[in-house]
């Protein structure tokens, strides 16, 4: 996903409409009904996606910042760096959180596009949290400390609710 972003190869709706008009009959964003889903709207300017970015930024990048701008998020995504003052000390590195957020938006977006799984902040946060938990468990395993295994019953229940989308 990051490769696609860095090389301007994201399949946003306006582009898909131009190349596959029989399947993507409109350039409008299905999530917020903005008339044009372009590159920046696909990642940041869709209000639901920006709300998600606000939550992730405040929790994992800079808890002092009340509202992050789309351009700040985009600069972090494109340069893969954060200003030292923005690094929020915690258990999850800020760039890992940003990359996981990008992946979570990607998964949620296409689940909505192809499987009609609602794109909500809550669903996207659930995907994000599961991915972050997996990272933390892998870190514990690699350091030789005990970890808490996944509760498989909850994972299978969530997967069945989201029409079989693989979260692992």
N, C-alpha and C. Protein backbone atom coordinates (compact mmCIF):
# COMPACT_ATOMS: atom_id res chain seq x y z
N UNK A 1 0.84 -1.18 0.00
CA UNK A 1 0.00 0.00 0.00
C UNK A 1 0.88 1.25 0.00
N UNK A 2 1.91 1.23 0.85
CA UNK A 2 2.80 2.39 0.91
C UNK A 2 3.50 2.57 -0.44
N UNK A 3 3.88 1.47 -1.08
CA UNK A 3 4.51 1.55 -2.40
C UNK A 3 3.56 2.24 -3.39
N UNK A 4 2.31 1.81 -3.39
CA UNK A 4 1.32 2.42 -4.28
C UNK A 4 1.18 3.91 -4.01
N UNK A 5 1.17 4.27 -2.73
CA UNK A 5 1.06 5.68 -2.35
C UNK A 5 2.26 6.47 -2.84
N UNK A 6 3.46 5.96 -2.57
CA UNK A 6 4.68 6.68 -2.94
C UNK A 6 4.86 6.82 -4.45
N UNK A 7 4.29 5.88 -5.21
CA UNK A 7 4.42 5.91 -6.67
C UNK A 7 3.14 6.36 -7.38
N UNK A 8 2.24 6.95 -6.60
CA UNK A 8 0.99 7.49 -7.15
C UNK A 8 0.21 6.44 -7.95
N UNK A 9 0.09 5.25 -7.37
CA UNK A 9 -0.60 4.14 -8.03
C UNK A 9 -1.81 3.66 -7.25
N UNK A 10 -2.38 4.54 -6.42
CA UNK A 10 -3.58 4.15 -5.67
C UNK A 10 -4.78 4.09 -6.61
N UNK A 11 -5.58 3.06 -6.51
CA UNK A 11 -6.75 2.93 -7.38
C UNK A 11 -7.97 3.67 -6.81
N UNK A 12 -7.94 4.98 -6.87
CA UNK A 12 -9.07 5.77 -6.38
C UNK A 12 -10.20 5.78 -7.41
N UNK A 13 -11.36 6.15 -6.97
CA UNK A 13 -12.58 5.99 -7.76
C UNK A 13 -12.56 6.73 -9.10
N UNK A 14 -12.05 7.96 -9.11
CA UNK A 14 -12.01 8.71 -10.38
C UNK A 14 -11.15 8.00 -11.42
N UNK A 15 -10.06 7.42 -10.99
CA UNK A 15 -9.19 6.68 -11.90
C UNK A 15 -9.85 5.39 -12.37
N UNK A 16 -10.45 4.66 -11.43
CA UNK A 16 -11.13 3.42 -11.78
C UNK A 16 -12.30 3.66 -12.72
N UNK A 17 -13.01 4.76 -12.51
CA UNK A 17 -14.13 5.12 -13.38
C UNK A 17 -13.64 5.38 -14.81
N UNK A 18 -12.47 5.95 -14.92
CA UNK A 18 -11.92 6.24 -16.25
C UNK A 18 -11.50 4.96 -16.97
N UNK A 19 -10.94 3.97 -16.22
CA UNK A 19 -10.43 2.75 -16.84
C UNK A 19 -11.44 1.61 -16.90
N UNK A 20 -12.35 1.55 -15.92
CA UNK A 20 -13.33 0.45 -15.87
C UNK A 20 -14.73 1.05 -15.64
N UNK A 21 -15.23 1.82 -16.57
CA UNK A 21 -16.52 2.49 -16.35
C UNK A 21 -17.70 1.53 -16.23
N UNK A 22 -17.59 0.34 -16.77
CA UNK A 22 -18.70 -0.61 -16.67
C UNK A 22 -18.89 -1.07 -15.22
N UNK A 23 -17.80 -1.16 -14.46
CA UNK A 23 -17.90 -1.60 -13.06
C UNK A 23 -17.97 -0.42 -12.10
N UNK A 24 -17.16 0.61 -12.35
CA UNK A 24 -17.16 1.82 -11.52
C UNK A 24 -17.85 2.92 -12.33
N UNK A 25 -19.15 3.00 -12.19
CA UNK A 25 -19.96 3.87 -13.04
C UNK A 25 -19.92 5.34 -12.65
N UNK A 26 -19.29 5.65 -11.53
CA UNK A 26 -19.24 7.01 -11.04
C UNK A 26 -17.87 7.29 -10.43
N UNK A 27 -17.51 8.57 -10.39
CA UNK A 27 -16.28 8.99 -9.73
C UNK A 27 -16.52 9.39 -8.28
N UNK A 28 -17.77 9.31 -7.85
CA UNK A 28 -18.13 9.76 -6.50
C UNK A 28 -17.67 8.78 -5.44
N UNK A 29 -17.35 9.31 -4.28
CA UNK A 29 -16.97 8.50 -3.13
C UNK A 29 -18.24 7.83 -2.58
N UNK A 30 -18.22 6.52 -2.48
CA UNK A 30 -19.38 5.79 -1.94
C UNK A 30 -19.55 6.01 -0.45
N UNK A 31 -18.47 6.37 0.23
CA UNK A 31 -18.52 6.50 1.69
C UNK A 31 -19.20 7.80 2.11
N UNK A 32 -18.78 8.92 1.52
CA UNK A 32 -19.35 10.22 1.93
C UNK A 32 -20.13 10.92 0.82
N UNK A 33 -20.16 10.32 -0.37
CA UNK A 33 -20.87 10.84 -1.53
C UNK A 33 -20.29 12.14 -2.09
N UNK A 34 -19.03 12.40 -1.78
CA UNK A 34 -18.33 13.52 -2.42
C UNK A 34 -18.33 13.23 -3.92
N UNK A 35 -18.59 14.21 -4.76
CA UNK A 35 -18.71 13.94 -6.20
C UNK A 35 -17.42 13.43 -6.87
N UNK A 36 -16.26 13.63 -6.24
CA UNK A 36 -15.01 13.20 -6.87
C UNK A 36 -14.09 12.57 -5.82
N UNK A 37 -13.89 11.25 -5.96
CA UNK A 37 -12.91 10.59 -5.10
C UNK A 37 -11.59 10.55 -5.84
N UNK A 38 -10.73 11.50 -5.51
CA UNK A 38 -9.40 11.53 -6.11
C UNK A 38 -8.39 10.98 -5.11
N UNK A 39 -7.13 11.09 -5.46
CA UNK A 39 -6.03 10.57 -4.65
C UNK A 39 -6.11 11.05 -3.19
N UNK A 40 -6.21 12.35 -2.99
CA UNK A 40 -6.21 12.90 -1.63
C UNK A 40 -7.49 12.56 -0.87
N UNK A 41 -8.60 12.52 -1.58
CA UNK A 41 -9.86 12.16 -0.91
C UNK A 41 -9.85 10.70 -0.48
N UNK A 42 -9.31 9.85 -1.33
CA UNK A 42 -9.22 8.41 -1.02
C UNK A 42 -8.50 8.18 0.31
N UNK A 43 -7.42 8.92 0.55
CA UNK A 43 -6.61 8.72 1.75
C UNK A 43 -7.03 9.57 2.95
N UNK A 44 -7.34 10.83 2.69
CA UNK A 44 -7.42 11.78 3.80
C UNK A 44 -8.70 12.61 3.89
N UNK A 45 -9.16 13.13 2.79
CA UNK A 45 -10.20 14.15 2.86
C UNK A 45 -11.62 13.61 3.01
N UNK A 46 -11.82 12.33 2.85
CA UNK A 46 -13.11 11.74 3.15
C UNK A 46 -13.33 11.95 4.66
N UNK A 47 -14.43 12.57 5.07
CA UNK A 47 -14.60 12.91 6.49
C UNK A 47 -14.46 11.74 7.46
N UNK A 48 -14.95 10.56 7.09
CA UNK A 48 -14.84 9.41 7.98
C UNK A 48 -13.38 8.97 8.10
N UNK A 49 -12.66 8.98 7.00
CA UNK A 49 -11.25 8.60 7.03
C UNK A 49 -10.44 9.62 7.83
N UNK A 50 -10.77 10.91 7.68
CA UNK A 50 -10.04 11.93 8.43
C UNK A 50 -10.32 11.82 9.92
N UNK A 51 -11.53 11.45 10.30
CA UNK A 51 -11.85 11.22 11.71
C UNK A 51 -10.99 10.09 12.26
N UNK A 52 -10.86 9.03 11.48
CA UNK A 52 -10.00 7.91 11.87
C UNK A 52 -8.55 8.39 12.05
N UNK A 53 -8.03 9.16 11.07
CA UNK A 53 -6.67 9.68 11.18
C UNK A 53 -6.50 10.53 12.44
N UNK A 54 -7.50 11.34 12.76
CA UNK A 54 -7.43 12.19 13.97
C UNK A 54 -7.24 11.33 15.22
N UNK A 55 -8.00 10.26 15.31
CA UNK A 55 -7.92 9.37 16.48
C UNK A 55 -6.54 8.71 16.57
N UNK A 56 -6.06 8.19 15.45
CA UNK A 56 -4.76 7.52 15.44
C UNK A 56 -3.65 8.51 15.77
N UNK A 57 -3.71 9.69 15.19
CA UNK A 57 -2.67 10.69 15.40
C UNK A 57 -2.60 11.09 16.88
N UNK A 58 -3.75 11.33 17.46
CA UNK A 58 -3.79 11.75 18.87
C UNK A 58 -3.30 10.64 19.79
N UNK A 59 -3.64 9.41 19.49
CA UNK A 59 -3.29 8.28 20.35
C UNK A 59 -1.83 7.84 20.19
N UNK A 60 -1.31 7.85 18.96
CA UNK A 60 0.00 7.23 18.70
C UNK A 60 1.09 8.18 18.24
N UNK A 61 0.73 9.36 17.78
CA UNK A 61 1.75 10.24 17.22
C UNK A 61 1.97 11.48 18.08
N UNK A 62 0.92 12.24 18.33
CA UNK A 62 1.08 13.47 19.09
C UNK A 62 -0.19 13.74 19.88
N UNK A 63 -0.18 13.34 21.13
CA UNK A 63 -1.39 13.48 21.96
C UNK A 63 -1.69 14.93 22.29
N UNK A 64 -0.72 15.83 22.14
CA UNK A 64 -0.95 17.25 22.45
C UNK A 64 -1.67 17.97 21.31
N UNK A 65 -1.63 17.41 20.12
CA UNK A 65 -2.23 18.06 18.96
C UNK A 65 -3.72 17.75 18.92
N UNK A 66 -4.54 18.80 18.96
CA UNK A 66 -5.99 18.60 19.02
C UNK A 66 -6.57 18.16 17.67
N UNK A 67 -6.05 18.71 16.61
CA UNK A 67 -6.54 18.32 15.28
C UNK A 67 -5.37 18.32 14.32
N UNK A 68 -5.16 17.20 13.70
CA UNK A 68 -4.07 17.09 12.72
C UNK A 68 -4.63 17.46 11.35
N UNK A 69 -3.81 18.14 10.55
CA UNK A 69 -4.25 18.51 9.21
C UNK A 69 -3.98 17.37 8.24
N UNK A 70 -4.76 17.28 7.19
CA UNK A 70 -4.49 16.25 6.17
C UNK A 70 -3.08 16.38 5.59
N UNK A 71 -2.59 17.61 5.44
CA UNK A 71 -1.25 17.78 4.87
C UNK A 71 -0.17 17.24 5.81
N UNK A 72 -0.37 17.34 7.13
CA UNK A 72 0.60 16.79 8.08
C UNK A 72 0.65 15.27 7.96
N UNK A 73 -0.52 14.65 7.84
CA UNK A 73 -0.57 13.19 7.68
C UNK A 73 0.09 12.80 6.36
N UNK A 74 -0.22 13.52 5.30
CA UNK A 74 0.34 13.20 3.99
C UNK A 74 1.86 13.33 3.98
N UNK A 75 2.39 14.37 4.62
CA UNK A 75 3.85 14.54 4.69
C UNK A 75 4.47 13.36 5.43
N UNK A 76 3.85 12.94 6.52
CA UNK A 76 4.37 11.78 7.27
C UNK A 76 4.34 10.52 6.40
N UNK A 77 3.27 10.34 5.63
CA UNK A 77 3.16 9.17 4.77
C UNK A 77 4.16 9.19 3.62
N UNK A 78 4.39 10.36 3.05
CA UNK A 78 5.27 10.45 1.89
C UNK A 78 6.75 10.50 2.24
N UNK A 79 7.09 11.06 3.38
CA UNK A 79 8.50 11.18 3.74
C UNK A 79 8.95 10.09 4.71
N UNK A 80 7.98 9.39 5.31
CA UNK A 80 8.26 8.34 6.29
C UNK A 80 9.05 8.86 7.49
N UNK A 81 8.89 10.13 7.75
CA UNK A 81 9.54 10.74 8.91
C UNK A 81 8.54 11.60 9.66
N UNK A 82 8.86 11.81 10.92
CA UNK A 82 8.07 12.71 11.75
C UNK A 82 9.02 13.71 12.38
N UNK A 83 8.54 14.90 12.61
CA UNK A 83 9.36 15.86 13.33
C UNK A 83 9.61 15.30 14.73
N UNK A 84 10.81 15.49 15.28
CA UNK A 84 11.08 14.93 16.62
C UNK A 84 10.06 15.33 17.66
N UNK A 85 9.51 16.53 17.56
CA UNK A 85 8.54 16.96 18.56
C UNK A 85 7.22 16.20 18.44
N UNK A 86 7.01 15.54 17.30
CA UNK A 86 5.76 14.81 17.11
C UNK A 86 5.82 13.39 17.62
N UNK A 87 7.01 12.86 17.82
CA UNK A 87 7.10 11.48 18.28
C UNK A 87 6.53 11.35 19.68
N UNK A 88 5.56 10.53 19.81
CA UNK A 88 4.87 10.30 21.08
C UNK A 88 5.44 9.03 21.69
N UNK A 89 6.21 9.14 22.78
CA UNK A 89 6.79 7.91 23.34
C UNK A 89 5.69 6.96 23.79
N UNK A 90 5.83 5.72 23.41
CA UNK A 90 4.82 4.73 23.77
C UNK A 90 5.29 3.36 23.35
N UNK A 91 4.41 2.41 23.44
CA UNK A 91 4.77 1.04 23.12
C UNK A 91 4.75 0.77 21.63
N UNK A 92 4.09 1.61 20.87
CA UNK A 92 4.00 1.42 19.42
C UNK A 92 4.69 2.61 18.73
N UNK A 93 5.72 2.35 17.93
CA UNK A 93 6.36 3.45 17.20
C UNK A 93 5.35 4.19 16.31
N UNK A 94 5.50 5.50 16.23
CA UNK A 94 4.54 6.33 15.49
C UNK A 94 4.44 5.91 14.02
N UNK A 95 5.58 5.62 13.38
CA UNK A 95 5.52 5.23 11.97
C UNK A 95 4.82 3.90 11.78
N UNK A 96 4.97 2.99 12.73
CA UNK A 96 4.24 1.73 12.65
C UNK A 96 2.73 2.00 12.76
N UNK A 97 2.36 2.88 13.65
CA UNK A 97 0.94 3.22 13.81
C UNK A 97 0.39 3.86 12.53
N UNK A 98 1.17 4.73 11.91
CA UNK A 98 0.73 5.38 10.67
C UNK A 98 0.60 4.35 9.55
N UNK A 99 1.57 3.46 9.43
CA UNK A 99 1.50 2.42 8.40
C UNK A 99 0.33 1.48 8.63
N UNK A 100 0.09 1.13 9.89
CA UNK A 100 -1.04 0.26 10.22
C UNK A 100 -2.36 0.96 9.96
N UNK A 101 -2.40 2.25 10.21
CA UNK A 101 -3.61 3.03 9.92
C UNK A 101 -3.88 3.05 8.41
N UNK A 102 -2.83 3.24 7.63
CA UNK A 102 -2.97 3.23 6.18
C UNK A 102 -3.50 1.88 5.70
N UNK A 103 -2.95 0.80 6.23
CA UNK A 103 -3.41 -0.54 5.86
C UNK A 103 -4.86 -0.77 6.29
N UNK A 104 -5.22 -0.29 7.47
CA UNK A 104 -6.59 -0.47 7.98
C UNK A 104 -7.60 0.27 7.11
N UNK A 105 -7.24 1.48 6.68
CA UNK A 105 -8.11 2.23 5.77
C UNK A 105 -8.26 1.47 4.46
N UNK A 106 -7.17 0.95 3.95
CA UNK A 106 -7.18 0.18 2.69
C UNK A 106 -8.12 -1.02 2.80
N UNK A 107 -7.96 -1.80 3.86
CA UNK A 107 -8.78 -3.00 4.05
C UNK A 107 -10.26 -2.61 4.18
N UNK A 108 -10.54 -1.61 4.99
CA UNK A 108 -11.93 -1.17 5.19
C UNK A 108 -12.55 -0.62 3.91
N UNK A 109 -11.76 0.15 3.18
CA UNK A 109 -12.27 0.75 1.94
C UNK A 109 -12.69 -0.32 0.94
N UNK A 110 -11.82 -1.30 0.73
CA UNK A 110 -12.12 -2.32 -0.28
C UNK A 110 -13.15 -3.33 0.22
N UNK A 111 -13.24 -3.53 1.53
CA UNK A 111 -14.31 -4.37 2.07
C UNK A 111 -15.66 -3.72 1.81
N UNK A 112 -15.70 -2.41 1.90
CA UNK A 112 -16.94 -1.69 1.60
C UNK A 112 -17.23 -1.71 0.10
N UNK A 113 -16.21 -1.49 -0.70
CA UNK A 113 -16.39 -1.44 -2.15
C UNK A 113 -16.87 -2.76 -2.73
N UNK A 114 -16.27 -3.86 -2.31
CA UNK A 114 -16.58 -5.15 -2.93
C UNK A 114 -17.53 -6.04 -2.13
N UNK A 115 -17.57 -5.87 -0.82
CA UNK A 115 -18.38 -6.76 0.02
C UNK A 115 -19.47 -6.04 0.80
N UNK A 116 -19.62 -4.73 0.59
CA UNK A 116 -20.63 -3.92 1.28
C UNK A 116 -20.52 -3.97 2.81
N UNK A 117 -19.31 -4.19 3.33
CA UNK A 117 -19.08 -4.09 4.78
C UNK A 117 -19.00 -2.60 5.07
N UNK A 118 -19.84 -2.07 5.94
CA UNK A 118 -19.87 -0.62 6.17
C UNK A 118 -18.49 -0.05 6.54
N UNK A 119 -18.14 1.04 5.90
CA UNK A 119 -16.90 1.74 6.25
C UNK A 119 -17.25 2.70 7.38
N UNK A 120 -16.84 2.32 8.57
CA UNK A 120 -17.07 3.17 9.74
C UNK A 120 -15.75 3.33 10.49
N UNK A 121 -15.69 4.37 11.29
CA UNK A 121 -14.50 4.57 12.12
C UNK A 121 -14.34 3.39 13.06
N UNK A 122 -15.43 2.92 13.61
CA UNK A 122 -15.39 1.79 14.55
C UNK A 122 -14.82 0.53 13.90
N UNK A 123 -15.31 0.18 12.72
CA UNK A 123 -14.80 -1.01 12.02
C UNK A 123 -13.32 -0.86 11.69
N UNK A 124 -12.93 0.33 11.25
CA UNK A 124 -11.54 0.56 10.87
C UNK A 124 -10.64 0.53 12.11
N UNK A 125 -11.12 1.06 13.23
CA UNK A 125 -10.35 0.99 14.48
C UNK A 125 -10.20 -0.45 14.96
N UNK A 126 -11.23 -1.25 14.78
CA UNK A 126 -11.15 -2.66 15.17
C UNK A 126 -10.05 -3.36 14.38
N UNK A 127 -10.00 -3.13 13.09
CA UNK A 127 -8.96 -3.73 12.25
C UNK A 127 -7.59 -3.21 12.71
N UNK A 128 -7.49 -1.91 12.92
CA UNK A 128 -6.24 -1.30 13.37
C UNK A 128 -5.77 -1.92 14.69
N UNK A 129 -6.66 -2.01 15.66
CA UNK A 129 -6.29 -2.54 16.98
C UNK A 129 -5.84 -3.99 16.91
N UNK A 130 -6.48 -4.78 16.07
CA UNK A 130 -6.06 -6.18 15.93
C UNK A 130 -4.67 -6.29 15.32
N UNK A 131 -4.39 -5.43 14.36
CA UNK A 131 -3.07 -5.44 13.74
C UNK A 131 -2.00 -4.97 14.73
N UNK A 132 -2.30 -3.95 15.50
CA UNK A 132 -1.36 -3.45 16.51
C UNK A 132 -1.14 -4.50 17.60
N UNK A 133 -2.21 -5.16 18.03
CA UNK A 133 -2.08 -6.22 19.03
C UNK A 133 -1.20 -7.35 18.51
N UNK A 134 -1.37 -7.68 17.26
CA UNK A 134 -0.54 -8.73 16.66
C UNK A 134 0.93 -8.32 16.67
N UNK A 135 1.20 -7.07 16.31
CA UNK A 135 2.57 -6.56 16.34
C UNK A 135 3.14 -6.67 17.75
N UNK A 136 2.38 -6.25 18.75
CA UNK A 136 2.86 -6.28 20.13
C UNK A 136 3.12 -7.72 20.59
N UNK A 137 2.26 -8.65 20.19
CA UNK A 137 2.47 -10.05 20.55
C UNK A 137 3.71 -10.61 19.87
N UNK A 138 3.93 -10.27 18.62
CA UNK A 138 5.12 -10.73 17.91
C UNK A 138 6.38 -10.16 18.55
N UNK A 139 6.30 -8.92 19.02
CA UNK A 139 7.43 -8.30 19.70
C UNK A 139 7.75 -9.03 21.00
N UNK A 140 6.71 -9.40 21.74
CA UNK A 140 6.91 -10.16 22.98
C UNK A 140 7.55 -11.52 22.70
N UNK A 141 7.06 -12.20 21.66
CA UNK A 141 7.60 -13.51 21.30
C UNK A 141 9.08 -13.38 20.92
N UNK A 142 9.39 -12.38 20.10
CA UNK A 142 10.79 -12.22 19.65
C UNK A 142 11.71 -11.83 20.79
N UNK A 143 11.17 -11.20 21.84
CA UNK A 143 12.01 -10.82 22.98
C UNK A 143 12.08 -11.94 24.02
N UNK A 144 11.34 -13.03 23.80
CA UNK A 144 11.38 -14.17 24.70
C UNK A 144 10.45 -14.07 25.89
N UNK A 145 9.61 -13.03 25.94
CA UNK A 145 8.67 -12.88 27.05
C UNK A 145 7.36 -13.58 26.71
N UNK A 146 6.60 -13.88 27.75
CA UNK A 146 5.30 -14.53 27.52
C UNK A 146 4.36 -13.53 26.86
N UNK A 147 3.47 -14.05 26.08
CA UNK A 147 2.48 -13.22 25.42
C UNK A 147 1.10 -13.81 25.66
N UNK A 148 0.10 -12.99 25.38
CA UNK A 148 -1.28 -13.42 25.50
C UNK A 148 -1.75 -13.84 24.11
N UNK A 149 -2.08 -15.13 23.91
CA UNK A 149 -2.52 -15.55 22.57
C UNK A 149 -3.87 -14.94 22.21
N UNK A 150 -4.14 -14.91 20.92
CA UNK A 150 -5.43 -14.43 20.44
C UNK A 150 -6.55 -15.29 20.99
N UNK A 151 -7.68 -14.67 21.20
CA UNK A 151 -8.90 -15.40 21.52
C UNK A 151 -9.54 -15.73 20.17
N UNK A 152 -9.32 -16.95 19.69
CA UNK A 152 -9.77 -17.33 18.35
C UNK A 152 -11.27 -17.23 18.18
N UNK A 153 -12.02 -17.48 19.23
CA UNK A 153 -13.48 -17.39 19.13
C UNK A 153 -13.90 -15.97 18.73
N UNK A 154 -13.30 -14.95 19.33
CA UNK A 154 -13.63 -13.57 18.98
C UNK A 154 -13.22 -13.23 17.55
N UNK A 155 -12.07 -13.73 17.13
CA UNK A 155 -11.59 -13.45 15.78
C UNK A 155 -12.53 -14.07 14.75
N UNK A 156 -12.92 -15.34 14.96
CA UNK A 156 -13.82 -15.98 14.01
C UNK A 156 -15.19 -15.32 14.01
N UNK A 157 -15.64 -14.87 15.17
CA UNK A 157 -16.93 -14.18 15.24
C UNK A 157 -16.87 -12.88 14.44
N UNK A 158 -15.79 -12.09 14.61
CA UNK A 158 -15.66 -10.85 13.87
C UNK A 158 -15.56 -11.13 12.37
N UNK A 159 -14.78 -12.14 11.99
CA UNK A 159 -14.60 -12.46 10.57
C UNK A 159 -15.93 -12.84 9.93
N UNK A 160 -16.76 -13.58 10.66
CA UNK A 160 -18.04 -13.97 10.08
C UNK A 160 -18.97 -12.77 9.97
N UNK A 161 -18.85 -11.81 10.89
CA UNK A 161 -19.68 -10.60 10.82
C UNK A 161 -19.27 -9.71 9.67
N UNK A 162 -17.99 -9.78 9.27
CA UNK A 162 -17.50 -8.92 8.20
C UNK A 162 -17.42 -9.67 6.87
N UNK A 163 -18.31 -10.62 6.71
CA UNK A 163 -18.42 -11.36 5.45
C UNK A 163 -17.14 -12.08 5.05
N UNK A 164 -16.45 -12.65 6.04
CA UNK A 164 -15.30 -13.48 5.74
C UNK A 164 -14.05 -12.75 5.40
N UNK A 165 -13.94 -11.47 5.69
CA UNK A 165 -12.71 -10.76 5.40
C UNK A 165 -11.62 -11.25 6.34
N UNK A 166 -10.48 -11.60 5.79
CA UNK A 166 -9.38 -12.08 6.61
C UNK A 166 -8.70 -10.91 7.31
N UNK A 167 -8.61 -11.00 8.62
CA UNK A 167 -7.95 -9.95 9.39
C UNK A 167 -6.57 -10.36 9.85
N UNK A 168 -6.19 -11.57 9.58
CA UNK A 168 -4.88 -12.03 10.07
C UNK A 168 -3.84 -11.99 8.99
